[in-house]
């Protein structure tokens, strides 16, 4: 058999497989519509998105994958399939820190897939309000960066919000220098968010020492400004480059090669255990010697791993602080529930912000 004949047979096989895949996708979509009907019969205000179920499905997909397609790529394909099927049950609106083209929008699409409607908001507090009012089903907000640390405004908003954390997204951040100019020596101004300027500080000092650095509200806003201003450049990502049709003068200019931002998914529902979860809570110590040590002791006694602790002013008095703490496990796990119950008498205030699946991709 000649090479051309073999190639023809393989193409025919691919065509047959495509027909089977298409048929199975439509069967899955019909099953999703049946799920929606059953849920609405039971509760007209039912939640259709189940973060713990989606996380568990994606982990199982990665676990049973045998290649040659990689685990992450296989999970991404199924994420989009799940997103499209969920849209048949309930088209979802997800608020994010805008404008269009920000890394926060990229995080929302990574977590929910591209079959959602993303709604850009002018500030992180606006994202919270949009979800609290029920106009958006969920919101996505940045909470910390591996290079520059926590986003304090996000933490502060949790102190007075009734929303729950129901998911997290880790997004690898690649910063590109975007412009209408064709050469670096034509750039006299660089616009970006203050965090992005900080994450590219060494590169800017080495390659554009003469350029003025100007802070704006977001990387996408920087790209929008540059689209109408000669001699300027923006530090932003691929989405902004495509949206505002800018050239990439330099790629991956971040100082740290593993630069990653963590985002939180906020909503009005609580997530059930997925088998691999985190719990986030905030608490305040009593004003006594060893107050923080007494607060954390129940976690140690119950063998609970604490992955993060951050302090923020409580705004209830000078030098009065609250602590944001991440631990491994779900609040419904018996040992977590026991530890939190033992911790409660030691705290002046304790507020559970949510238990949610750890980031999958």
Protein backbone atom coordinates (compact mmCIF):
# COMPACT_ATOMS: atom_id res chain seq x y z
CA UNK A 1 0.00 0.00 0.00
CA UNK A 2 1.43 3.40 -1.01
CA UNK A 3 1.78 6.42 1.28
CA UNK A 4 -1.08 8.25 -0.41
CA UNK A 5 -3.42 5.29 0.13
CA UNK A 6 -2.42 5.10 3.81
CA UNK A 7 -3.00 8.83 4.19
CA UNK A 8 -6.46 8.52 2.59
CA UNK A 9 -7.41 5.70 4.99
CA UNK A 10 -6.25 7.68 8.04
CA UNK A 11 -8.25 10.70 6.93
CA UNK A 12 -11.34 8.55 6.50
CA UNK A 13 -10.78 7.16 10.00
CA UNK A 14 -10.51 10.69 11.40
CA UNK A 15 -13.75 11.64 9.62
CA UNK A 16 -15.56 8.66 11.17
CA UNK A 17 -14.19 9.49 14.62
CA UNK A 18 -15.35 13.11 14.22
CA UNK A 19 -18.89 11.89 13.46
CA UNK A 20 -18.85 9.71 16.59
CA UNK A 21 -17.47 12.53 18.74
CA UNK A 22 -20.09 14.97 17.44
CA UNK A 23 -22.87 12.51 18.18
CA UNK A 24 -21.57 11.91 21.73
CA UNK A 25 -21.26 15.66 22.35
CA UNK A 26 -24.90 16.15 21.40
CA UNK A 27 -25.92 13.25 23.64
CA UNK A 28 -24.09 14.93 26.52
CA UNK A 29 -25.81 18.23 25.70
CA UNK A 30 -29.24 16.56 25.79
CA UNK A 31 -28.40 15.02 29.17
CA UNK A 32 -27.42 18.49 30.44
CA UNK A 33 -30.78 19.90 29.33
CA UNK A 34 -32.54 17.07 31.17
CA UNK A 35 -30.56 17.91 34.30
CA UNK A 36 -31.70 21.54 34.00
CA UNK A 37 -35.34 20.49 33.68
CA UNK A 38 -35.16 18.25 36.76
CA UNK A 39 -33.43 20.96 38.82
CA UNK A 40 -36.00 23.61 37.87
CA UNK A 41 -38.87 21.25 38.78
CA UNK A 42 -37.35 20.90 42.25
CA UNK A 43 -36.29 24.52 42.76
CA UNK A 44 -36.87 27.46 40.42
CA UNK A 45 -33.85 29.23 42.00
CA UNK A 46 -31.53 26.21 41.71
CA UNK A 47 -27.80 26.69 41.14
CA UNK A 48 -26.68 25.03 37.91
CA UNK A 49 -22.94 25.50 38.29
CA UNK A 50 -21.45 23.04 40.77
CA UNK A 51 -17.79 23.93 41.35
CA UNK A 52 -16.99 20.79 43.33
CA UNK A 53 -18.48 18.49 40.65
CA UNK A 54 -16.64 20.22 37.80
CA UNK A 55 -13.34 20.08 39.70
CA UNK A 56 -13.82 16.39 40.45
CA UNK A 57 -14.64 15.63 36.78
CA UNK A 58 -11.55 17.48 35.52
CA UNK A 59 -9.31 15.69 38.01
CA UNK A 60 -10.69 12.32 36.91
CA UNK A 61 -10.16 13.26 33.25
CA UNK A 62 -6.51 14.00 33.96
CA UNK A 63 -6.11 10.86 36.05
CA UNK A 64 -7.44 8.49 33.39
CA UNK A 65 -5.74 10.21 30.45
CA UNK A 66 -3.30 7.93 28.62
CA UNK A 67 -2.08 10.35 25.92
CA UNK A 68 -0.73 11.21 23.49
CA UNK A 69 -2.60 14.42 24.35
CA UNK A 70 -1.29 16.00 27.56
CA UNK A 71 -3.34 16.04 30.78
CA UNK A 72 -3.80 19.82 30.87
CA UNK A 73 -4.80 20.06 27.23
CA UNK A 74 -7.31 17.21 27.65
CA UNK A 75 -8.78 18.94 30.71
CA UNK A 76 -9.05 22.23 28.81
CA UNK A 77 -11.01 20.53 26.02
CA UNK A 78 -13.45 19.06 28.54
CA UNK A 79 -13.68 22.43 30.33
CA UNK A 80 -14.98 23.98 27.10
CA UNK A 81 -17.37 21.08 26.55
CA UNK A 82 -18.72 21.46 30.10
CA UNK A 83 -19.00 25.22 29.58
CA UNK A 84 -21.04 24.78 26.40
CA UNK A 85 -23.35 22.23 28.04
CA UNK A 86 -23.82 24.42 31.12
CA UNK A 87 -24.82 27.31 28.85
CA UNK A 88 -27.72 25.14 27.62
CA UNK A 89 -28.85 24.76 31.25
CA UNK A 90 -28.31 28.38 32.29
CA UNK A 91 -26.39 31.09 30.37
CA UNK A 92 -24.04 32.49 33.01
CA UNK A 93 -22.90 36.06 33.56
CA UNK A 94 -19.50 36.43 35.23
CA UNK A 95 -18.30 39.85 36.39
CA UNK A 96 -14.59 40.62 36.23
CA UNK A 97 -12.21 43.53 36.78
CA UNK A 98 -12.29 45.24 33.38
CA UNK A 99 -12.04 46.58 30.82
CA UNK A 100 -12.03 43.90 28.13
CA UNK A 101 -8.67 42.20 27.71
CA UNK A 102 -7.47 42.05 31.32
CA UNK A 103 -5.78 39.06 32.94
CA UNK A 104 -8.85 38.80 35.19
CA UNK A 105 -11.01 38.17 32.12
CA UNK A 106 -8.51 35.55 30.98
CA UNK A 107 -8.79 33.90 34.42
CA UNK A 108 -12.61 33.90 34.19
CA UNK A 109 -12.49 32.21 30.77
CA UNK A 110 -9.91 29.69 31.98
CA UNK A 111 -12.12 28.71 34.91
CA UNK A 112 -15.59 28.78 33.31
CA UNK A 113 -14.80 28.24 29.62
CA UNK A 114 -15.75 30.49 26.73
CA UNK A 115 -19.52 29.85 26.73
CA UNK A 116 -20.13 32.38 29.50
CA UNK A 117 -20.91 36.07 29.17
CA UNK A 118 -18.12 38.08 30.79
CA UNK A 119 -19.13 41.47 32.21
CA UNK A 120 -16.33 44.05 32.69
CA UNK A 121 -16.52 46.17 35.86
CA UNK A 122 -14.63 49.33 36.72
CA UNK A 123 -13.30 48.19 40.11
CA UNK A 124 -12.99 45.16 42.36
CA UNK A 125 -15.71 46.57 44.63
CA UNK A 126 -18.02 46.82 41.60
CA UNK A 127 -17.44 43.11 40.92
CA UNK A 128 -18.56 42.32 44.48
CA UNK A 129 -21.66 44.53 44.16
CA UNK A 130 -22.64 43.02 40.81
CA UNK A 131 -22.66 39.52 42.33
CA UNK A 132 -24.25 40.56 45.63
CA UNK A 133 -27.14 42.18 43.73
CA UNK A 134 -27.71 39.03 41.67
CA UNK A 135 -27.06 40.80 38.34
CA UNK A 136 -24.05 38.51 37.78
CA UNK A 137 -24.01 34.85 38.80
CA UNK A 138 -20.32 34.92 39.79
CA UNK A 139 -17.35 37.24 39.92
CA UNK A 140 -13.61 36.78 39.45
CA UNK A 141 -11.17 38.97 41.40
CA UNK A 142 -7.37 38.92 41.79
CA UNK A 143 -6.13 38.11 45.29
CA UNK A 144 -2.34 37.62 45.14
CA UNK A 145 0.66 37.55 42.85
CA UNK A 146 3.68 35.31 43.33
CA UNK A 147 6.04 38.27 42.85
CA UNK A 148 4.24 41.27 44.37
CA UNK A 149 2.11 39.63 47.08
CA UNK A 150 -1.54 40.15 48.02
CA UNK A 151 -4.06 42.56 46.52
CA UNK A 152 -5.14 44.31 49.71
CA UNK A 153 -8.35 45.80 48.32
CA UNK A 154 -9.74 42.32 47.58
CA UNK A 155 -9.06 41.14 51.13
CA UNK A 156 -10.63 44.27 52.62
CA UNK A 157 -13.87 43.75 50.67
CA UNK A 158 -14.35 40.28 52.16
CA UNK A 159 -14.61 41.83 55.64
CA UNK A 160 -18.05 43.25 54.89
CA UNK A 161 -19.30 41.06 52.02
CA UNK A 162 -21.81 38.23 52.38
CA UNK A 163 -20.39 36.41 49.33
CA UNK A 164 -18.59 33.09 49.49
CA UNK A 165 -15.41 31.97 47.76
CA UNK A 166 -16.43 29.04 45.56
CA UNK A 167 -13.33 28.54 43.43
CA UNK A 168 -9.79 29.65 42.63
CA UNK A 169 -7.79 30.11 39.42
CA UNK A 170 -4.01 30.21 39.04
CA UNK A 171 -2.99 32.06 35.89
CA UNK A 172 0.56 32.13 34.57
CA UNK A 173 1.20 35.79 33.75
CA UNK A 174 3.17 36.70 30.63
CA UNK A 175 3.71 40.42 30.13
CA UNK A 176 4.37 41.80 26.65
CA UNK A 177 5.42 45.29 25.59
CA UNK A 178 2.75 46.44 23.11
CA UNK A 179 2.81 49.53 20.92
CA UNK A 180 2.07 51.10 17.54
CA UNK A 181 5.79 51.80 17.27
CA UNK A 182 8.06 49.40 15.39
CA UNK A 183 11.23 49.96 17.45
CA UNK A 184 12.02 50.24 21.16
CA UNK A 185 13.82 53.56 20.68
CA UNK A 186 10.52 55.10 19.58
CA UNK A 187 8.94 54.52 23.02
CA UNK A 188 8.95 57.47 25.44
CA UNK A 189 6.09 56.42 27.75
CA UNK A 190 5.05 53.05 29.22
CA UNK A 191 1.53 52.61 30.60
CA UNK A 192 0.43 49.75 32.82
CA UNK A 193 -1.11 48.73 36.12
CA UNK A 194 1.21 49.38 39.06
CA UNK A 195 1.58 45.64 39.74
CA UNK A 196 2.67 44.96 36.16
CA UNK A 197 5.18 47.81 36.20
CA UNK A 198 6.62 46.33 39.40
CA UNK A 199 6.76 42.83 37.89
CA UNK A 200 8.75 44.16 34.91
CA UNK A 201 10.93 46.66 36.79
CA UNK A 202 14.31 45.14 35.93
CA UNK A 203 13.48 44.72 32.24
CA UNK A 204 12.27 48.32 31.98
CA UNK A 205 15.34 49.70 33.76
CA UNK A 206 17.61 47.73 31.43
CA UNK A 207 15.82 48.27 28.12
CA UNK A 208 13.80 51.51 28.47
CA UNK A 209 15.58 53.60 31.13
CA UNK A 210 14.57 56.84 29.39
CA UNK A 211 10.84 56.04 29.18
CA UNK A 212 8.36 57.57 31.62
CA UNK A 213 6.37 54.95 33.54
CA UNK A 214 2.69 55.84 33.99
CA UNK A 215 0.23 53.93 36.18
CA UNK A 216 -3.34 53.23 35.01
CA UNK A 217 -6.19 51.14 36.39
CA UNK A 218 -5.54 48.01 34.34
CA UNK A 219 -3.31 46.58 31.62
CA UNK A 220 -6.21 46.61 29.18
CA UNK A 221 -6.78 50.30 29.86
CA UNK A 222 -3.06 50.85 29.13
CA UNK A 223 -3.44 49.05 25.80
CA UNK A 224 -6.50 51.14 24.91
CA UNK A 225 -4.60 54.38 25.58
CA UNK A 226 -1.59 53.27 23.55
CA UNK A 227 -3.83 52.50 20.58
CA UNK A 228 -4.32 56.25 20.06
CA UNK A 229 -1.03 57.73 21.30
CA UNK A 230 2.23 57.77 19.36
CA UNK A 231 5.47 57.12 21.18
CA UNK A 232 3.77 55.12 23.92
CA UNK A 233 3.72 51.44 24.87
CA UNK A 234 1.69 49.26 27.22
CA UNK A 235 2.58 46.27 29.34
CA UNK A 236 -0.28 43.82 28.82
CA UNK A 237 -1.19 40.30 27.71
CA UNK A 238 -2.19 38.52 24.51
CA UNK A 239 -5.90 39.31 24.85
CA UNK A 240 -5.23 43.05 25.01
CA UNK A 241 -2.84 42.87 22.05
CA UNK A 242 -5.50 41.20 19.90
CA UNK A 243 -8.35 43.41 21.12
CA UNK A 244 -6.54 46.71 20.52
CA UNK A 245 -4.50 45.52 17.50
CA UNK A 246 -1.07 46.39 18.89
CA UNK A 247 2.35 45.10 17.87
CA UNK A 248 4.44 43.10 20.29
CA UNK A 249 7.77 44.91 20.63
CA UNK A 250 8.99 42.42 23.25
CA UNK A 251 7.49 39.27 24.72
CA UNK A 252 7.63 37.76 28.21
CA UNK A 253 9.28 40.77 29.83
CA UNK A 254 8.32 39.79 33.39
CA UNK A 255 11.33 39.66 35.73
CA UNK A 256 10.32 36.35 37.34
CA UNK A 257 9.86 33.42 34.91
CA UNK A 258 7.25 31.74 37.15
CA UNK A 259 5.15 34.89 37.66
CA UNK A 260 1.64 33.66 38.58
CA UNK A 261 -1.48 35.42 39.84
CA UNK A 262 -4.15 33.72 41.92
CA UNK A 263 -7.76 34.72 41.39
CA UNK A 264 -10.84 33.89 43.48
CA UNK A 265 -14.29 33.02 42.17
CA UNK A 266 -16.99 34.64 44.33
CA UNK A 267 -20.68 33.77 44.41
CA UNK A 268 -23.79 33.42 46.53
CA UNK A 269 -23.57 29.63 46.84
CA UNK A 270 -21.38 27.39 48.96
CA UNK A 271 -19.33 24.61 47.38
CA UNK A 272 -19.58 21.04 48.66
CA UNK A 273 -16.47 18.89 49.25
CA UNK A 274 -14.64 17.85 46.08
CA UNK A 275 -11.98 15.68 47.74
CA UNK A 276 -9.20 18.25 47.34
CA UNK A 277 -10.24 21.58 48.83
CA UNK A 278 -9.16 24.75 50.57
CA UNK A 279 -10.91 26.73 53.28
CA UNK A 280 -10.40 30.46 53.74
CA UNK A 281 -11.48 32.35 56.86
CA UNK A 282 -10.75 35.63 58.55
CA UNK A 283 -10.39 36.09 62.27
CA UNK A 284 -9.30 38.64 64.86
CA UNK A 285 -7.32 37.89 67.99
CA UNK A 286 -8.16 39.00 71.47
CA UNK A 287 -5.90 41.80 72.70
CA UNK A 288 -3.84 39.59 75.01
CA UNK A 289 -0.26 38.33 75.00
CA UNK A 290 0.07 35.26 72.78
CA UNK A 291 -3.31 35.87 71.16
CA UNK A 292 -2.24 34.81 67.66
CA UNK A 293 -0.43 31.73 68.97
CA UNK A 294 -3.58 30.64 70.86
CA UNK A 295 -5.61 31.24 67.71
CA UNK A 296 -3.45 28.97 65.57
CA UNK A 297 -2.87 26.20 68.11
CA UNK A 298 -6.11 24.28 67.28
CA UNK A 299 -4.96 24.00 63.65
CA UNK A 300 -1.68 22.45 64.76
CA UNK A 301 -3.37 20.08 67.20
CA UNK A 302 -5.65 18.74 64.48
CA UNK A 303 -2.80 18.33 61.97
CA UNK A 304 -4.15 20.95 59.58
CA UNK A 305 -1.80 22.52 57.03
CA UNK A 306 -1.99 26.33 56.83
CA UNK A 307 -0.95 27.52 53.36
CA UNK A 308 -1.28 31.28 53.85
CA UNK A 309 -1.78 33.93 56.52
CA UNK A 310 -2.09 37.67 55.87
CA UNK A 311 -2.87 40.51 58.27
CA UNK A 312 -4.96 43.58 57.43
CA UNK A 313 -6.04 46.58 59.53
CA UNK A 314 -9.52 45.96 60.89
CA UNK A 315 -10.49 49.65 60.52
CA UNK A 316 -12.10 49.42 63.93
CA UNK A 317 -9.23 51.05 65.80
CA UNK A 318 -5.55 51.88 65.58
CA UNK A 319 -3.22 48.85 65.46
CA UNK A 320 -6.19 46.46 65.40
CA UNK A 321 -5.78 43.68 62.82
CA UNK A 322 -7.67 40.79 61.25
CA UNK A 323 -5.97 37.74 59.75
CA UNK A 324 -6.84 36.01 56.49
CA UNK A 325 -5.95 32.33 56.65
CA UNK A 326 -5.99 29.54 54.04
CA UNK A 327 -5.97 25.92 55.22
CA UNK A 328 -6.07 22.61 53.37
CA UNK A 329 -9.42 20.80 53.58
CA UNK A 330 -13.16 21.55 53.53
CA UNK A 331 -15.06 23.08 56.44
CA UNK A 332 -17.38 20.05 56.39
CA UNK A 333 -14.46 17.63 56.92
CA UNK A 334 -14.73 16.41 60.54
CA UNK A 335 -11.18 17.38 61.58
CA UNK A 336 -11.55 20.84 59.99
CA UNK A 337 -14.91 21.41 61.67
CA UNK A 338 -13.48 20.35 65.05
CA UNK A 339 -10.45 22.63 64.67
CA UNK A 340 -12.58 25.65 63.72
CA UNK A 341 -14.90 24.97 66.66
CA UNK A 342 -11.90 24.85 69.02
CA UNK A 343 -10.52 28.02 67.45
CA UNK A 344 -13.74 30.01 67.85
CA UNK A 345 -13.47 30.71 71.64
CA UNK A 346 -9.91 32.02 71.12
CA UNK A 347 -11.00 34.53 68.46
CA UNK A 348 -12.58 37.91 68.96
CA UNK A 349 -14.18 37.38 65.55
CA UNK A 350 -14.29 34.45 63.12
CA UNK A 351 -15.82 34.55 59.63
CA UNK A 352 -15.69 31.65 57.17
CA UNK A 353 -15.25 32.98 53.65
CA UNK A 354 -15.69 29.65 51.92
CA UNK A 355 -14.46 26.15 51.20
CA UNK A 356 -13.75 25.46 47.55
CA UNK A 357 -11.89 23.11 45.18
CA UNK A 358 -8.20 23.74 44.70
CA UNK A 359 -7.28 25.04 41.25
CA UNK A 360 -7.20 22.16 38.75
CA UNK A 361 -5.38 23.65 35.72
